[in-house]
């Protein structure tokens, strides 16, 4: 019987309210202003060129090897390239906050997010969140800002583990923390290659939220929906069709 639902965050529960390039540009401006106030003394064009180059390089590496290179490593590498001295963990943590502050305001709940999560909880499902992200702090900040933190007993991020979906380890970690088996769980996400493929490899049912046309993929979800309300109905149907066999946990 289905007992747990694991869910992706970005473009599944929340979405950006403006284009990514605008958000990323605002992040860069915020970080550059903070660093210059701390003595960096570099023009924005020079800073942005170095940051974007490092961001793209690390993102390509992370996507290819399915590992996570966290934002603190990116910022530290950028500052070393710009010959900025006196780095400390506290300084880098503050720089991360300054970088992400504009983006935090841009992440908004989908209209049916709260109702879906409330219904899943009312039906007794254990909920976990599994997100590919460069900052564990930022994932928790998005959840808190959108009043979603309290729905999830488990939050697992690629930044925390150093690996990215679809690698099975990140799914296994969430399932272990929830105390559920793959056969007792379903995964809900917008990425066929990260969410659906990873869930199926580990043995979970998968629901693909496809809000826009997607490219061909090797992943084959158990169900495809266009919004969270449809996903909720599918999960309830699956549970109703299964016998209630006591868990061995």
Protein backbone atom coordinates (compact mmCIF):
# COMPACT_ATOMS: atom_id res chain seq x y z
CA UNK A 1 0.00 0.00 0.00
CA UNK A 2 1.24 3.50 -0.77
CA UNK A 3 2.35 5.19 2.43
CA UNK A 4 4.73 7.95 1.32
CA UNK A 5 5.00 10.56 -1.40
CA UNK A 6 8.33 12.14 -2.29
CA UNK A 7 8.16 15.39 -4.20
CA UNK A 8 10.47 17.65 -6.19
CA UNK A 9 10.52 21.40 -5.43
CA UNK A 10 11.31 23.72 -8.36
CA UNK A 11 8.68 23.74 -11.14
CA UNK A 12 6.75 21.10 -9.20
CA UNK A 13 5.57 22.89 -6.05
CA UNK A 14 6.90 26.37 -6.82
CA UNK A 15 7.77 28.36 -9.94
CA UNK A 16 9.69 31.51 -10.84
CA UNK A 17 7.48 34.54 -11.41
CA UNK A 18 9.82 35.97 -14.05
CA UNK A 19 12.37 34.66 -16.58
CA UNK A 20 15.43 32.86 -15.20
CA UNK A 21 17.87 35.22 -16.93
CA UNK A 22 16.30 38.18 -15.12
CA UNK A 23 16.50 36.39 -11.79
CA UNK A 24 20.09 35.30 -12.32
CA UNK A 25 21.10 38.83 -13.34
CA UNK A 26 19.54 40.20 -10.14
CA UNK A 27 21.44 37.59 -8.11
CA UNK A 28 24.73 38.66 -9.70
CA UNK A 29 24.03 42.34 -9.07
CA UNK A 30 23.20 41.67 -5.43
CA UNK A 31 26.34 39.60 -4.85
CA UNK A 32 28.59 42.08 -6.68
CA UNK A 33 27.26 44.98 -4.60
CA UNK A 34 27.88 43.10 -1.36
CA UNK A 35 31.40 42.01 -2.35
CA UNK A 36 32.39 45.52 -3.43
CA UNK A 37 31.15 46.84 -0.08
CA UNK A 38 33.51 44.28 1.49
CA UNK A 39 36.49 45.50 -0.52
CA UNK A 40 36.42 43.53 -3.79
CA UNK A 41 36.70 46.70 -5.91
CA UNK A 42 35.95 45.08 -9.28
CA UNK A 43 33.63 46.40 -11.96
CA UNK A 44 30.46 44.41 -12.58
CA UNK A 45 31.44 43.27 -16.08
CA UNK A 46 34.71 41.72 -14.86
CA UNK A 47 33.03 40.09 -11.88
CA UNK A 48 30.11 38.75 -13.92
CA UNK A 49 32.40 37.27 -16.58
CA UNK A 50 34.37 35.30 -14.00
CA UNK A 51 31.28 34.20 -12.08
CA UNK A 52 29.29 33.08 -15.12
CA UNK A 53 32.27 31.16 -16.49
CA UNK A 54 32.73 29.28 -13.21
CA UNK A 55 29.00 28.74 -12.78
CA UNK A 56 28.64 27.24 -16.25
CA UNK A 57 31.74 25.08 -15.87
CA UNK A 58 30.67 23.62 -12.53
CA UNK A 59 27.09 23.15 -13.72
CA UNK A 60 28.28 21.19 -16.75
CA UNK A 61 30.48 19.01 -14.53
CA UNK A 62 27.66 18.44 -12.05
CA UNK A 63 25.17 17.50 -14.76
CA UNK A 64 27.59 15.13 -16.49
CA UNK A 65 28.72 13.25 -13.38
CA UNK A 66 25.44 13.68 -11.45
CA UNK A 67 27.24 15.24 -8.52
CA UNK A 68 26.52 18.54 -6.79
CA UNK A 69 29.04 21.36 -6.60
CA UNK A 70 27.54 23.65 -3.95
CA UNK A 71 27.29 27.41 -4.21
CA UNK A 72 29.87 27.96 -1.46
CA UNK A 73 32.46 26.21 -3.62
CA UNK A 74 31.52 28.29 -6.66
CA UNK A 75 31.70 31.61 -4.81
CA UNK A 76 34.98 30.66 -3.11
CA UNK A 77 36.53 29.72 -6.46
CA UNK A 78 35.34 32.97 -8.06
CA UNK A 79 36.79 35.08 -5.26
CA UNK A 80 40.12 33.28 -5.43
CA UNK A 81 40.25 33.96 -9.19
CA UNK A 82 39.55 37.63 -8.46
CA UNK A 83 42.40 37.68 -5.89
CA UNK A 84 40.06 38.44 -3.00
CA UNK A 85 41.76 37.62 0.29
CA UNK A 86 40.47 36.93 3.77
CA UNK A 87 37.84 34.33 2.92
CA UNK A 88 36.13 32.65 5.85
CA UNK A 89 33.18 30.29 6.18
CA UNK A 90 31.06 33.05 7.71
CA UNK A 91 31.94 35.44 4.89
CA UNK A 92 31.04 32.89 2.21
CA UNK A 93 27.77 32.03 3.97
CA UNK A 94 26.83 35.70 3.96
CA UNK A 95 27.75 35.97 0.28
CA UNK A 96 25.44 33.03 -0.47
CA UNK A 97 22.56 34.82 1.27
CA UNK A 98 23.25 38.01 -0.72
CA UNK A 99 23.38 36.05 -3.98
CA UNK A 100 20.09 34.24 -3.43
CA UNK A 101 18.07 37.06 -1.85
CA UNK A 102 16.59 38.38 -5.14
CA UNK A 103 15.77 34.86 -6.31
CA UNK A 104 14.05 33.93 -3.07
CA UNK A 105 11.31 36.47 -3.73
CA UNK A 106 10.76 35.12 -7.24
CA UNK A 107 9.78 31.58 -6.20
CA UNK A 108 6.00 31.37 -5.82
CA UNK A 109 3.65 28.48 -5.05
CA UNK A 110 1.55 27.01 -7.82
CA UNK A 111 -2.17 27.70 -7.19
CA UNK A 112 -2.89 24.09 -6.15
CA UNK A 113 0.25 23.45 -4.09
CA UNK A 114 -1.16 24.06 -0.62
CA UNK A 115 -4.42 22.21 -1.25
CA UNK A 116 -2.55 19.20 -2.67
CA UNK A 117 -0.13 18.94 0.25
CA UNK A 118 -2.92 19.39 2.78
CA UNK A 119 -4.94 16.63 1.10
CA UNK A 120 -1.97 14.26 1.05
CA UNK A 121 -1.41 14.86 4.76
CA UNK A 122 -5.13 14.40 5.49
CA UNK A 123 -4.99 11.02 3.72
CA UNK A 124 -2.15 9.98 6.01
CA UNK A 125 0.77 10.06 3.58
CA UNK A 126 4.27 10.67 4.85
CA UNK A 127 5.80 13.45 2.77
CA UNK A 128 9.41 13.99 1.79
CA UNK A 129 11.06 16.52 -0.48
CA UNK A 130 14.02 15.68 -2.74
CA UNK A 131 15.59 18.57 -4.63
CA UNK A 132 18.57 19.14 -6.89
CA UNK A 133 19.97 22.45 -5.70
CA UNK A 134 23.31 24.16 -5.16
CA UNK A 135 22.35 25.29 -1.66
CA UNK A 136 20.63 23.32 1.09
CA UNK A 137 19.98 26.58 2.94
CA UNK A 138 18.21 28.03 -0.09
CA UNK A 139 15.86 25.05 -0.47
CA UNK A 140 14.79 25.40 3.16
CA UNK A 141 14.42 29.17 2.66
CA UNK A 142 12.10 28.65 -0.32
CA UNK A 143 10.00 26.22 1.69
CA UNK A 144 9.80 28.61 4.64
CA UNK A 145 9.01 31.64 2.49
CA UNK A 146 6.17 29.77 0.80
CA UNK A 147 4.88 28.24 4.06
CA UNK A 148 5.62 24.70 2.94
CA UNK A 149 8.24 23.61 5.48
CA UNK A 150 5.77 22.04 7.90
CA UNK A 151 4.40 19.56 5.37
CA UNK A 152 7.64 17.60 5.01
CA UNK A 153 9.06 15.21 7.58
CA UNK A 154 12.15 14.78 5.40
CA UNK A 155 14.00 17.25 3.17
CA UNK A 156 16.95 15.90 1.17
CA UNK A 157 19.00 18.07 -1.19
CA UNK A 158 21.79 17.38 -3.64
CA UNK A 159 23.83 20.12 -1.97
CA UNK A 160 23.63 18.22 1.31
CA UNK A 161 24.62 14.84 -0.14
CA UNK A 162 26.89 15.95 -2.98
CA UNK A 163 24.98 13.90 -5.56
CA UNK A 164 22.13 14.72 -7.92
CA UNK A 165 18.98 13.01 -9.09
CA UNK A 166 18.59 10.59 -10.84
CA UNK A 167 21.28 8.80 -8.79
CA UNK A 168 19.63 6.25 -6.55
CA UNK A 169 21.51 7.31 -3.42
CA UNK A 170 19.52 10.52 -3.02
CA UNK A 171 16.21 8.64 -3.27
CA UNK A 172 17.46 5.90 -0.94
CA UNK A 173 18.43 8.53 1.62
CA UNK A 174 14.95 10.06 1.64
CA UNK A 175 13.24 6.67 1.85
CA UNK A 176 15.47 5.59 4.72
CA UNK A 177 14.74 8.77 6.67
CA UNK A 178 11.01 8.30 6.11
CA UNK A 179 11.22 4.63 7.04
CA UNK A 180 9.43 3.46 3.91
CA UNK A 181 10.21 1.03 1.10
CA UNK A 182 10.27 1.98 -2.61
CA UNK A 183 7.19 -0.17 -3.25
CA UNK A 184 5.31 1.84 -0.60
CA UNK A 185 6.24 5.18 -2.15
CA UNK A 186 5.56 7.40 -5.14
CA UNK A 187 7.62 10.23 -6.56
CA UNK A 188 6.19 13.40 -8.07
CA UNK A 189 8.29 15.76 -10.20
CA UNK A 190 8.56 17.80 -13.37
CA UNK A 191 11.81 16.35 -14.74
CA UNK A 192 11.54 13.11 -16.69
CA UNK A 193 15.28 12.47 -16.64
CA UNK A 194 15.92 13.40 -13.01
CA UNK A 195 12.69 12.66 -11.15
CA UNK A 196 10.94 9.95 -13.16
CA UNK A 197 14.03 8.00 -14.20
CA UNK A 198 15.54 8.08 -10.72
CA UNK A 199 12.32 7.00 -9.04
CA UNK A 200 11.81 4.11 -11.44
CA UNK A 201 15.40 2.89 -11.04
CA UNK A 202 14.98 2.73 -7.28
CA UNK A 203 11.62 0.96 -7.58
CA UNK A 204 9.13 3.73 -6.80
CA UNK A 205 6.03 4.66 -8.75
CA UNK A 206 6.50 7.91 -10.62
CA UNK A 207 4.26 10.76 -11.71
CA UNK A 208 5.53 13.24 -14.28
CA UNK A 209 4.07 16.74 -14.05
CA UNK A 210 4.39 17.93 -17.63
CA UNK A 211 3.29 21.54 -17.74
CA UNK A 212 5.05 22.21 -21.03
CA UNK A 213 6.14 20.12 -24.03
CA UNK A 214 9.20 18.00 -23.25
CA UNK A 215 11.87 16.30 -25.33
CA UNK A 216 12.01 12.56 -25.87
CA UNK A 217 13.41 10.74 -22.87
CA UNK A 218 14.27 7.21 -21.79
CA UNK A 219 12.13 7.70 -18.69
CA UNK A 220 8.64 6.22 -18.70
CA UNK A 221 6.46 7.47 -15.84
CA UNK A 222 3.66 5.42 -14.34
CA UNK A 223 1.42 8.45 -14.87
CA UNK A 224 1.63 11.83 -16.58
CA UNK A 225 -0.37 14.84 -15.38
CA UNK A 226 -0.45 18.57 -16.01
CA UNK A 227 -0.87 19.85 -12.46
CA UNK A 228 -0.74 18.88 -8.81
CA UNK A 229 -4.49 18.37 -8.47
CA UNK A 230 -4.37 15.65 -11.14
CA UNK A 231 -1.38 14.08 -9.40
CA UNK A 232 -3.31 13.96 -6.13
CA UNK A 233 -6.21 12.12 -7.79
CA UNK A 234 -3.80 9.60 -9.30
CA UNK A 235 -2.13 8.89 -5.96
CA UNK A 236 -5.48 8.40 -4.24
CA UNK A 237 -6.59 6.03 -7.02
CA UNK A 238 -3.40 3.99 -6.66
CA UNK A 239 -3.89 3.64 -2.93
CA UNK A 240 -7.55 2.67 -3.28
CA UNK A 241 -6.62 -0.09 -5.73
CA UNK A 242 -4.04 -1.67 -3.40
CA UNK A 243 -4.63 -4.04 -0.51
CA UNK A 244 -3.67 -2.71 2.91
CA UNK A 245 -0.81 -5.04 3.84
CA UNK A 246 0.85 -4.16 7.17
CA UNK A 247 4.35 -2.76 6.79
CA UNK A 248 7.27 -4.77 8.14
CA UNK A 249 8.90 -1.61 9.51
